[in-house]
Structure formats: C-alpha cells, structure tokens
Amino acid sequence: MTTYETVIGLEFHAELKTKTKIFCSCPTTFAGDPNTHVCPVCLGLPGVLPVLNKRAVELAVKAGLALNCNISHYSKFDRKNYFYPDLPKGYQVTQFPLPICKDGYLIIPADDGGEKKVRINRIHMEEDAGKLVHSGETISSSLYSLPDYNRAAVPLIEIVSEPDISSAEEARAFGEKLKAALEYADVSDVRMEQGSLRCDVNISLRPMGQKEFGTRTEIKNLNSFRAVQRAILYEQERQAAVLDEGGRIYQETLTWDDNKGCTLSMRSKEEAHDYRYFPEPDLVPIVLDQEWIDKIAAEMPEMPDARLQRLTIEAGISATDAAIIVCNKTLAFYFDQVVEHYPDPKTVAKWLLGDLSRLLNEQGETVEAIPIAPEQLATLLTQIKEGKINNNTGKTVLEEMFKTGQDADTIIKEKGFAQISDTSALDAAVQNVIAANPQPVQDYKDGKKQAIGFLVGQIMKQTGGQANPQMVRELLCKALDS
C-alpha cells in the first residue's frame, strides 16, 4: 500500500434512546414478533399525520454537543424518495440541506503516533427503515427476504464524517470513540449486535501525492468494529490489485460477508441517485432557542476525554489503565462508585483491572455482570488497608465474594481469615522458624539480607497466610539483629 493513499469517510446510524418512535407512539423495544410494533402512522397508510417526538430532538442535540458540533437553531425535515422493500412509505423522512447539527469533530490516535482531528460534516435526524429477514445467512446467499417493520420509524441520527481517515486502524479508533461519546451522553444504547449502531464505510484509493479523490465504493451496514477494520483492509487490497492491473474501480454499493472475509457487490452507483428531496409537508420546521440548548448542555455528563484527563492528571492513574477504564462506561461508573467509598484511585484501578477482571474473564462474563456491589469491594479494600487481612487473603476473599455474593466481613468471619497481628502469637512463630532454619539465619547474619524473604515466607506458611507480613518482617529483623 505504499503506492496508494487510502481515503475513508464513515457514516454512522445510531438509534436514539427513546421509548416511542419518532412520529408515533409505537414502542421502540428491540425484538418482538415481526410487525407487531406498528401502526398506520409508521406504516405510512393514507390519511395519517406524523407528530415529532420532542425527546428525539433533545437526544440529537445531546449527540451534537458530545461530538463538538454546532447546533442549528433552525432545521427541517425532508422526504427522501426511493423504493426498497424495508421502506413502507416509499420515502424516508430525513434532513437534507438543513441538518440539526454540523461542523463537529473527534480527536483520535493517528497512524504516525500523534493525534488526528477527524471532522464531522453533519448529524441529521431521520426515521429508521424496517428490517429484511433473509432466508439464508446473508443477503447474498438468500432466496428470499421478508420485511419486518417493527424498526420502521425508530428515531435515528446519521453522523457523517469528512474523508479525513487514512487507515483501518484510524477508522476503528474513530468508531470506538464515537460509540463511547454517544454512550456516555446516554443518547443511544449503541448495541451494534442489535443494529442500534451501524456503520457504512466510503473508501477510495488514489496514487500517493494526487489531490483528486479516487472512485469510491460504499460498504453498507457493518455491525462491529472488527468487521469495519477487516472490510477496509480487504477493500484496500482489492482496489489496489485492480488499479495495479490497469483496471477501473466502479462506484458501487457493497456488502461485507464476514464468514468469507470479502466484500460483495449489491448494486451499482455509477450516477448520483436522484432522491427527489423536497420539504416534508406534514412537519413544521424545528426551531430551537439558545436557552433550551444551553439547558441541555448544562445537563451533559462528564464525557470520555474529560474523564480520561481526570483519571490520569488528578487521580494519577497510568494512561493505559485509565484508557481501559474509560472505554467501558459501566466499568468507569463502577470505578467512581468504589472510589466514593474508598478514596484511593490507584488501588481501586489495580483491583478492577487485575483480579476482578480475571474472575470475569474466567467466567466469560462482561463488566455488566459484576456480582460485587461497589461498596462491597470498597469494604474489602478497607479491610486490607487496616491490616485486618493481608493482600493475598484479600484475593481469596474476593473470589468468595464473586462466587457467593456475600460481603467481605461475613466471609472473613466465617472462614477465619482475620490476619494475625497479635505480637505474642507472632513472636512464637518467629522463634520456631529461626530455630528450624539455621542456614538462612546465618546467611542473614553474614550480610545476605535477602534471606529474610525466605524466613518471612516460612512464617506465612506456618500461619496459613494469615500473619501480618509487615509485623513478621519487623519481628524477624529485631530478633536476628539482637
């Protein structure tokens, strides 16, 4: 790929987190029997009139603020006319010349190790189409498809980037950051596996140094960032091979076959499609006053970049650990809740990303399934800090908490895990170990101070790991130095 430069623009469709559809009161809940969440309005039957969902407008504004956009005080809906079986009305209500948000951006890691500002051209509101249920595994392998209109008229925003992305890695980074921003803003549940966040990739190649864009292809409806990355890498290689052989890239719409690992042609787009846009006659323009926009802005939660800065600068957590915490909203909120009860962010991060993550991975669970309440974990960490149990015993207690849901105090009491900090009991153990290990004792006295570690280990073993290791070391040193 040293011969060509890749130019990528992304379009994301995000379903807004409303209870009802954009122009009617039908529910937006996922699944359900086919064609049961429908009514005359979202089916576009003759004589019906749409009524705009105010909550959808509010969420669109929040999305624009989350993605650093300018919010339009005046926008309007348009009809986009085309025929497809998943579009019951024969047109889609969307926004064309006057979108609700424009001129945004996201900062992402660049291929050269620095940062890149990827511009967002616009965010516009529209209604979702229905869903085609294919008879085969994919559209290309199906004999027929059946339309399910439950998703028709679910409120959507379409987020359109400028062609500022240069690689599959940058595309994935942009998508992951956009997903996190929408999730933190509570605009969408962004569940790509359910189709509430979908990505279209526009990709072209041009010879290095050429200013004019090459002919682009569009890969539709990618539902994971892994698929986005793989599809771009494949299409890069495919287009480069065609160009190297003196061939021509045709402007067309492609689908990605994840099983075969390749793109497949769906339809040609040699000429710009004439959608015959015109203003939607049944809906008035959207007029927003600045006071309402400011109110929404004031209620915006802490966004990922601000949270990352807080964790690294204020809390002193490493950039790597902070990024892992921030990229998962559930984990980030869980972290903050633990810190409320145990104000030591570094220790909390260590346990979250260490032993707790290990337990989740062993069970094949995600962060959402953590069975330990934040205050329970904070209590365990407090017990360790106060010396009631040592660090190793704490890990054992955590495993019991994970399995049983019991709190740390109960497990420590029932299992007899309380740390031995009684000086007289530890003195006896120290004398026993010194008497039983003359060679390490002599090594220590001869200046080999590392021998103390072996002796501490013997006492920990003798006490079943319940001795206070700091007190053990102090008592040993006192006995051996006297």
Foldseek 3Di string as FASTA:
>chain_A
DQFKFKWKKKKKKFFFPDQAFFFDRFGLDFDDPFQPSDDCVLLVPPPDFGDGDVVLLLLLLLLQVLQAWDFDQWFAWKWQAADDVQRNNRTWIKGDPGFGTAWGWDWFQAPVRRIDIWTWGGKHKIWDTWDWAFPDPDPVPGPDTDTGGNRRRRIIIMIIIDRPHTALVRVLRVVLQSLQSSVQQNTHPLQLVRPSMFMKMWMFIDGPPDDDTAAIEIEGTDRDSVQSRLARVQVVVVRVVQVVVVHHDFHFYWYADPVVSYIDGDGGPNDPDCRVMDGDPSDDMRGHDVVVSVVSVVPGDDGLVNQLCCCCPVLVEDSVLSVVQSSDPLSVVLLVLLCVLAVNSNVSSCCVVPLVVVVCVVVVHDSVPQLEHSNLVSVLVVCCVVQQAHPVVSSVLSVVCRVPVDGSVVCCVVVVRTADPDPVVLLVLLVVLCVVCVVLLVCCVVPVVVSLVVSLVSSCVVVVNRYRSVVNSVSNCVVSVD
